[in-house]
């Protein structure tokens, strides 16, 4: 078992969070959030990987042969779909903010202060 995929997932998460914290544009913040969320894809792939295993198609495999976990693959696909949906929703909200307030700078959105 290698530690490299976990380190890569952590690095991608930190890069996305750094961009999210330092962004001065809401579109850039949504993009950085998508990058941070993509680290979960790498993490799920690292969890479900088995060395020497094949795809979980059981019709042509002899009994006892190693296969990868199909549940982790389904979770990764679900994560991709949910990530794309959330990104699209956030970008739609940014467009509406631009239409109503004329800016996408979070510091300039004074109408949202409580």
N, C-alpha and C. Protein backbone atom coordinates (compact mmCIF):
# COMPACT_ATOMS: atom_id res chain seq x y z
N UNK A 1 0.85 -1.18 0.00
CA UNK A 1 0.00 0.00 0.00
C UNK A 1 0.89 1.24 0.00
N UNK A 2 0.63 2.12 -0.92
CA UNK A 2 1.45 3.31 -1.09
C UNK A 2 0.79 4.52 -0.43
N UNK A 3 1.61 5.40 0.06
CA UNK A 3 1.12 6.61 0.71
C UNK A 3 0.97 7.74 -0.31
N UNK A 4 1.55 7.58 -1.49
CA UNK A 4 1.57 8.63 -2.49
C UNK A 4 0.18 9.15 -2.89
N UNK A 5 -0.82 8.30 -3.14
CA UNK A 5 -2.13 8.85 -3.50
C UNK A 5 -2.76 9.70 -2.40
N UNK A 6 -2.52 9.33 -1.16
CA UNK A 6 -3.05 10.11 -0.05
C UNK A 6 -2.36 11.47 0.06
N UNK A 7 -1.06 11.49 -0.20
CA UNK A 7 -0.33 12.76 -0.21
C UNK A 7 -0.78 13.64 -1.37
N UNK A 8 -1.03 13.04 -2.52
CA UNK A 8 -1.51 13.81 -3.68
C UNK A 8 -2.89 14.38 -3.39
N UNK A 9 -3.77 13.58 -2.78
CA UNK A 9 -5.11 14.07 -2.43
C UNK A 9 -5.02 15.22 -1.43
N UNK A 10 -4.14 15.10 -0.45
CA UNK A 10 -3.96 16.19 0.51
C UNK A 10 -3.40 17.44 -0.13
N UNK A 11 -2.46 17.27 -1.05
CA UNK A 11 -1.87 18.43 -1.73
C UNK A 11 -2.91 19.14 -2.60
N UNK A 12 -3.73 18.37 -3.32
CA UNK A 12 -4.77 18.98 -4.15
C UNK A 12 -5.78 19.73 -3.27
N UNK A 13 -6.14 19.14 -2.14
CA UNK A 13 -7.06 19.80 -1.22
C UNK A 13 -6.47 21.10 -0.70
N UNK A 14 -5.21 21.08 -0.30
CA UNK A 14 -4.58 22.30 0.22
C UNK A 14 -4.43 23.36 -0.87
N UNK A 15 -4.12 22.97 -2.09
CA UNK A 15 -4.02 23.93 -3.19
C UNK A 15 -5.37 24.58 -3.46
N UNK A 16 -6.44 23.79 -3.46
CA UNK A 16 -7.77 24.34 -3.67
C UNK A 16 -8.20 25.24 -2.54
N UNK A 17 -7.92 24.87 -1.30
CA UNK A 17 -8.29 25.71 -0.16
C UNK A 17 -7.48 27.00 -0.13
N UNK A 18 -6.21 26.94 -0.52
CA UNK A 18 -5.40 28.15 -0.59
C UNK A 18 -5.96 29.12 -1.62
N UNK A 19 -6.33 28.59 -2.78
CA UNK A 19 -6.93 29.44 -3.80
C UNK A 19 -8.27 30.00 -3.36
N UNK A 20 -9.03 29.22 -2.62
CA UNK A 20 -10.32 29.67 -2.12
C UNK A 20 -10.17 30.80 -1.11
N UNK A 21 -9.18 30.69 -0.26
CA UNK A 21 -8.96 31.73 0.77
C UNK A 21 -8.41 33.01 0.16
N UNK A 22 -7.58 32.91 -0.86
CA UNK A 22 -6.92 34.10 -1.42
C UNK A 22 -7.63 34.68 -2.63
N UNK A 23 -8.76 34.11 -3.04
CA UNK A 23 -9.41 34.61 -4.25
C UNK A 23 -10.16 35.91 -3.98
N UNK A 24 -10.10 36.82 -4.95
CA UNK A 24 -10.81 38.09 -4.88
C UNK A 24 -11.93 38.13 -5.91
N UNK A 25 -12.31 36.97 -6.41
CA UNK A 25 -13.32 36.87 -7.44
C UNK A 25 -14.15 35.64 -7.13
N UNK A 26 -15.47 35.76 -7.18
CA UNK A 26 -16.32 34.63 -6.83
C UNK A 26 -16.25 33.50 -7.85
N UNK A 27 -16.01 33.82 -9.11
CA UNK A 27 -15.87 32.76 -10.12
C UNK A 27 -14.60 31.95 -9.83
N UNK A 28 -13.53 32.64 -9.47
CA UNK A 28 -12.29 31.95 -9.11
C UNK A 28 -12.49 31.12 -7.85
N UNK A 29 -13.27 31.63 -6.90
CA UNK A 29 -13.54 30.88 -5.67
C UNK A 29 -14.31 29.59 -5.97
N UNK A 30 -15.26 29.65 -6.88
CA UNK A 30 -16.00 28.45 -7.27
C UNK A 30 -15.07 27.45 -7.95
N UNK A 31 -14.19 27.92 -8.79
CA UNK A 31 -13.21 27.04 -9.43
C UNK A 31 -12.27 26.39 -8.42
N UNK A 32 -11.82 27.16 -7.45
CA UNK A 32 -10.94 26.61 -6.42
C UNK A 32 -11.68 25.61 -5.54
N UNK A 33 -12.95 25.84 -5.31
CA UNK A 33 -13.75 24.89 -4.55
C UNK A 33 -13.91 23.58 -5.33
N UNK A 34 -14.04 23.67 -6.64
CA UNK A 34 -14.11 22.47 -7.48
C UNK A 34 -12.79 21.71 -7.46
N UNK A 35 -11.67 22.44 -7.43
CA UNK A 35 -10.36 21.78 -7.33
C UNK A 35 -10.22 21.08 -5.99
N UNK A 36 -10.64 21.75 -4.92
CA UNK A 36 -10.55 21.14 -3.59
C UNK A 36 -11.45 19.90 -3.51
N UNK A 37 -12.59 19.95 -4.16
CA UNK A 37 -13.49 18.81 -4.14
C UNK A 37 -12.96 17.67 -4.99
N UNK A 38 -12.15 17.96 -5.98
CA UNK A 38 -11.60 16.90 -6.82
C UNK A 38 -10.56 16.06 -6.07
N UNK A 39 -10.08 16.53 -4.96
CA UNK A 39 -9.16 15.70 -4.17
C UNK A 39 -9.87 14.47 -3.63
N UNK A 40 -11.19 14.54 -3.46
CA UNK A 40 -11.91 13.36 -3.00
C UNK A 40 -11.93 12.26 -4.05
N UNK A 41 -11.83 12.62 -5.34
CA UNK A 41 -11.76 11.59 -6.39
C UNK A 41 -10.49 10.77 -6.21
N UNK A 42 -9.38 11.45 -6.00
CA UNK A 42 -8.10 10.77 -5.82
C UNK A 42 -8.14 9.91 -4.56
N UNK A 43 -8.75 10.45 -3.50
CA UNK A 43 -8.83 9.70 -2.25
C UNK A 43 -9.68 8.44 -2.42
N UNK A 44 -10.81 8.55 -3.11
CA UNK A 44 -11.65 7.37 -3.33
C UNK A 44 -10.95 6.35 -4.21
N UNK A 45 -10.23 6.81 -5.22
CA UNK A 45 -9.50 5.87 -6.07
C UNK A 45 -8.38 5.17 -5.28
N UNK A 46 -7.76 5.89 -4.36
CA UNK A 46 -6.71 5.28 -3.54
C UNK A 46 -7.29 4.24 -2.59
N UNK A 47 -8.48 4.50 -2.07
CA UNK A 47 -9.10 3.55 -1.15
C UNK A 47 -9.52 2.28 -1.89
N UNK A 48 -10.06 2.42 -3.11
CA UNK A 48 -10.58 1.28 -3.83
C UNK A 48 -9.56 0.51 -4.66
N UNK A 49 -8.32 0.96 -4.72
CA UNK A 49 -7.32 0.31 -5.57
C UNK A 49 -6.80 -0.97 -4.90
N UNK A 50 -6.69 -2.02 -5.70
CA UNK A 50 -6.06 -3.26 -5.26
C UNK A 50 -5.08 -3.69 -6.32
N UNK A 51 -3.86 -3.93 -5.93
CA UNK A 51 -2.81 -4.31 -6.88
C UNK A 51 -3.11 -5.71 -7.45
N UNK A 52 -3.08 -5.78 -8.77
CA UNK A 52 -3.29 -7.06 -9.44
C UNK A 52 -4.75 -7.45 -9.60
N UNK A 53 -5.66 -6.57 -9.20
CA UNK A 53 -7.08 -6.90 -9.30
C UNK A 53 -7.63 -6.49 -10.66
N UNK A 54 -8.75 -7.09 -11.03
CA UNK A 54 -9.39 -6.79 -12.30
C UNK A 54 -10.74 -6.12 -12.06
N UNK A 55 -11.40 -5.79 -13.14
CA UNK A 55 -12.71 -5.16 -13.05
C UNK A 55 -13.72 -6.16 -12.47
N UNK A 56 -14.72 -5.65 -11.76
CA UNK A 56 -15.68 -6.56 -11.11
C UNK A 56 -16.74 -7.11 -12.06
N UNK A 57 -16.30 -7.79 -13.12
CA UNK A 57 -17.20 -8.49 -14.03
C UNK A 57 -17.03 -9.96 -13.71
N UNK A 58 -18.01 -10.55 -13.10
CA UNK A 58 -17.84 -11.87 -12.50
C UNK A 58 -18.12 -13.03 -13.46
N UNK A 59 -18.57 -12.79 -14.67
CA UNK A 59 -18.94 -13.89 -15.56
C UNK A 59 -17.75 -14.68 -16.08
N UNK A 60 -16.61 -14.02 -16.25
CA UNK A 60 -15.47 -14.72 -16.85
C UNK A 60 -14.29 -14.88 -15.90
N UNK A 61 -14.47 -14.65 -14.62
CA UNK A 61 -13.38 -14.77 -13.66
C UNK A 61 -13.47 -16.09 -12.90
N UNK A 62 -12.34 -16.71 -12.67
CA UNK A 62 -12.37 -17.92 -11.82
C UNK A 62 -12.63 -17.53 -10.37
N UNK A 63 -13.23 -18.41 -9.60
CA UNK A 63 -13.51 -18.09 -8.19
C UNK A 63 -12.22 -17.82 -7.41
N UNK A 64 -12.28 -16.83 -6.57
CA UNK A 64 -11.14 -16.48 -5.73
C UNK A 64 -10.18 -15.48 -6.34
N UNK A 65 -10.42 -15.02 -7.54
CA UNK A 65 -9.52 -14.03 -8.15
C UNK A 65 -9.85 -12.65 -7.58
N UNK A 66 -8.84 -11.81 -7.37
CA UNK A 66 -9.08 -10.50 -6.76
C UNK A 66 -9.73 -9.52 -7.74
N UNK A 67 -10.70 -8.77 -7.23
CA UNK A 67 -11.36 -7.73 -8.01
C UNK A 67 -11.37 -6.44 -7.18
N UNK A 68 -11.48 -5.32 -7.87
CA UNK A 68 -11.58 -4.05 -7.17
C UNK A 68 -13.00 -3.90 -6.62
N UNK A 69 -13.15 -3.01 -5.66
CA UNK A 69 -14.43 -2.83 -5.00
C UNK A 69 -15.34 -1.97 -5.87
N UNK A 70 -16.46 -2.46 -6.34
CA UNK A 70 -17.34 -1.65 -7.19
C UNK A 70 -18.08 -0.55 -6.43
N UNK A 71 -18.20 -0.69 -5.12
CA UNK A 71 -18.88 0.34 -4.33
C UNK A 71 -18.07 1.64 -4.34
N UNK A 72 -16.77 1.53 -4.24
CA UNK A 72 -15.92 2.72 -4.26
C UNK A 72 -15.98 3.39 -5.63
N UNK A 73 -16.06 2.60 -6.69
CA UNK A 73 -16.20 3.17 -8.03
C UNK A 73 -17.53 3.90 -8.17
N UNK A 74 -18.59 3.33 -7.62
CA UNK A 74 -19.89 4.00 -7.66
C UNK A 74 -19.87 5.29 -6.85
N UNK A 75 -19.19 5.27 -5.72
CA UNK A 75 -19.07 6.49 -4.92
C UNK A 75 -18.29 7.57 -5.65
N UNK A 76 -17.24 7.19 -6.37
CA UNK A 76 -16.47 8.17 -7.13
C UNK A 76 -17.32 8.79 -8.24
N UNK A 77 -18.09 7.97 -8.94
CA UNK A 77 -18.97 8.51 -9.98
C UNK A 77 -20.04 9.42 -9.39
N UNK A 78 -20.60 9.04 -8.26
CA UNK A 78 -21.58 9.89 -7.58
C UNK A 78 -20.95 11.20 -7.14
N UNK A 79 -19.72 11.13 -6.66
CA UNK A 79 -19.01 12.33 -6.23
C UNK A 79 -18.78 13.27 -7.41
N UNK A 80 -18.47 12.74 -8.57
CA UNK A 80 -18.26 13.57 -9.76
C UNK A 80 -19.55 14.26 -10.16
N UNK A 81 -20.66 13.53 -10.15
CA UNK A 81 -21.94 14.12 -10.53
C UNK A 81 -22.38 15.19 -9.55
N UNK A 82 -22.24 14.92 -8.27
CA UNK A 82 -22.62 15.91 -7.26
C UNK A 82 -21.71 17.14 -7.34
N UNK A 83 -20.42 16.93 -7.58
CA UNK A 83 -19.50 18.06 -7.72
C UNK A 83 -19.84 18.95 -8.90
N UNK A 84 -20.19 18.33 -10.03
CA UNK A 84 -20.57 19.12 -11.21
C UNK A 84 -21.86 19.88 -10.96
N UNK A 85 -22.80 19.27 -10.27
CA UNK A 85 -24.07 19.93 -9.97
C UNK A 85 -23.88 21.11 -9.03
N UNK A 86 -23.08 20.93 -8.00
CA UNK A 86 -22.83 22.01 -7.05
C UNK A 86 -22.07 23.15 -7.72
N UNK A 87 -21.11 22.83 -8.57
CA UNK A 87 -20.38 23.86 -9.29
C UNK A 87 -21.30 24.65 -10.21
N UNK A 88 -22.18 23.97 -10.91
CA UNK A 88 -23.13 24.66 -11.79
C UNK A 88 -24.07 25.56 -11.00
N UNK A 89 -24.54 25.08 -9.85
CA UNK A 89 -25.42 25.89 -9.01
C UNK A 89 -24.70 27.12 -8.48
N UNK A 90 -23.47 26.96 -8.03
CA UNK A 90 -22.71 28.11 -7.52
C UNK A 90 -22.40 29.12 -8.62
N UNK A 91 -22.10 28.65 -9.81
CA UNK A 91 -21.85 29.57 -10.91
C UNK A 91 -23.13 30.32 -11.30
N UNK A 92 -24.27 29.66 -11.22
CA UNK A 92 -25.53 30.35 -11.48
C UNK A 92 -25.80 31.42 -10.43
N UNK A 93 -25.46 31.14 -9.19
CA UNK A 93 -25.61 32.15 -8.13
C UNK A 93 -24.67 33.32 -8.34
N UNK A 94 -23.45 33.04 -8.81
CA UNK A 94 -22.51 34.13 -9.09
C UNK A 94 -23.02 35.00 -10.23
N UNK A 95 -23.63 34.40 -11.24
CA UNK A 95 -24.20 35.18 -12.34
C UNK A 95 -25.32 36.08 -11.83
N UNK A 96 -26.16 35.57 -10.96
CA UNK A 96 -27.24 36.39 -10.41
C UNK A 96 -26.70 37.52 -9.53
N UNK A 97 -25.64 37.25 -8.78
CA UNK A 97 -25.00 38.31 -7.99
C UNK A 97 -24.42 39.39 -8.89
N UNK A 98 -23.83 38.99 -10.00
CA UNK A 98 -23.27 39.96 -10.94
C UNK A 98 -24.37 40.82 -11.56
N UNK A 99 -25.51 40.20 -11.86
CA UNK A 99 -26.62 40.95 -12.44
C UNK A 99 -27.21 41.95 -11.44
N UNK A 100 -27.32 41.56 -10.21
CA UNK A 100 -27.99 42.41 -9.21
C UNK A 100 -27.08 43.43 -8.56
N UNK A 101 -25.82 43.09 -8.36
CA UNK A 101 -24.91 43.98 -7.65
C UNK A 101 -23.82 44.57 -8.53
N UNK A 102 -23.63 44.05 -9.74
CA UNK A 102 -22.66 44.61 -10.66
C UNK A 102 -21.22 44.24 -10.40
N UNK A 103 -20.96 43.31 -9.50
CA UNK A 103 -19.59 42.91 -9.20
C UNK A 103 -19.56 41.47 -8.72
N UNK A 104 -18.39 40.85 -8.87
CA UNK A 104 -18.18 39.52 -8.32
C UNK A 104 -17.09 39.53 -7.25
N UNK A 105 -16.70 40.71 -6.82
CA UNK A 105 -15.73 40.85 -5.74
C UNK A 105 -16.45 40.68 -4.41
N UNK A 106 -16.05 39.72 -3.58
CA UNK A 106 -16.76 39.51 -2.33
C UNK A 106 -16.67 40.70 -1.36
N UNK A 107 -15.60 41.47 -1.44
CA UNK A 107 -15.45 42.62 -0.54
C UNK A 107 -16.36 43.77 -0.95
N UNK A 108 -16.74 43.82 -2.21
CA UNK A 108 -17.55 44.94 -2.70
C UNK A 108 -19.05 44.66 -2.56
N UNK A 109 -19.42 43.50 -2.13
CA UNK A 109 -20.84 43.18 -1.98
C UNK A 109 -21.35 43.67 -0.63
N UNK A 110 -21.55 44.99 -0.56
CA UNK A 110 -21.98 45.60 0.71
C UNK A 110 -23.46 45.35 0.98
N UNK A 111 -24.25 45.05 -0.02
CA UNK A 111 -25.66 44.81 0.18
C UNK A 111 -25.94 43.50 0.90
N UNK A 112 -24.93 42.66 1.04
CA UNK A 112 -25.12 41.37 1.70
C UNK A 112 -24.71 41.39 3.16
N UNK A 113 -24.22 42.50 3.64
CA UNK A 113 -23.80 42.55 5.05
C UNK A 113 -25.02 42.59 5.95
N UNK A 114 -24.94 41.87 7.05
CA UNK A 114 -26.11 41.77 7.94
C UNK A 114 -26.10 42.69 9.09
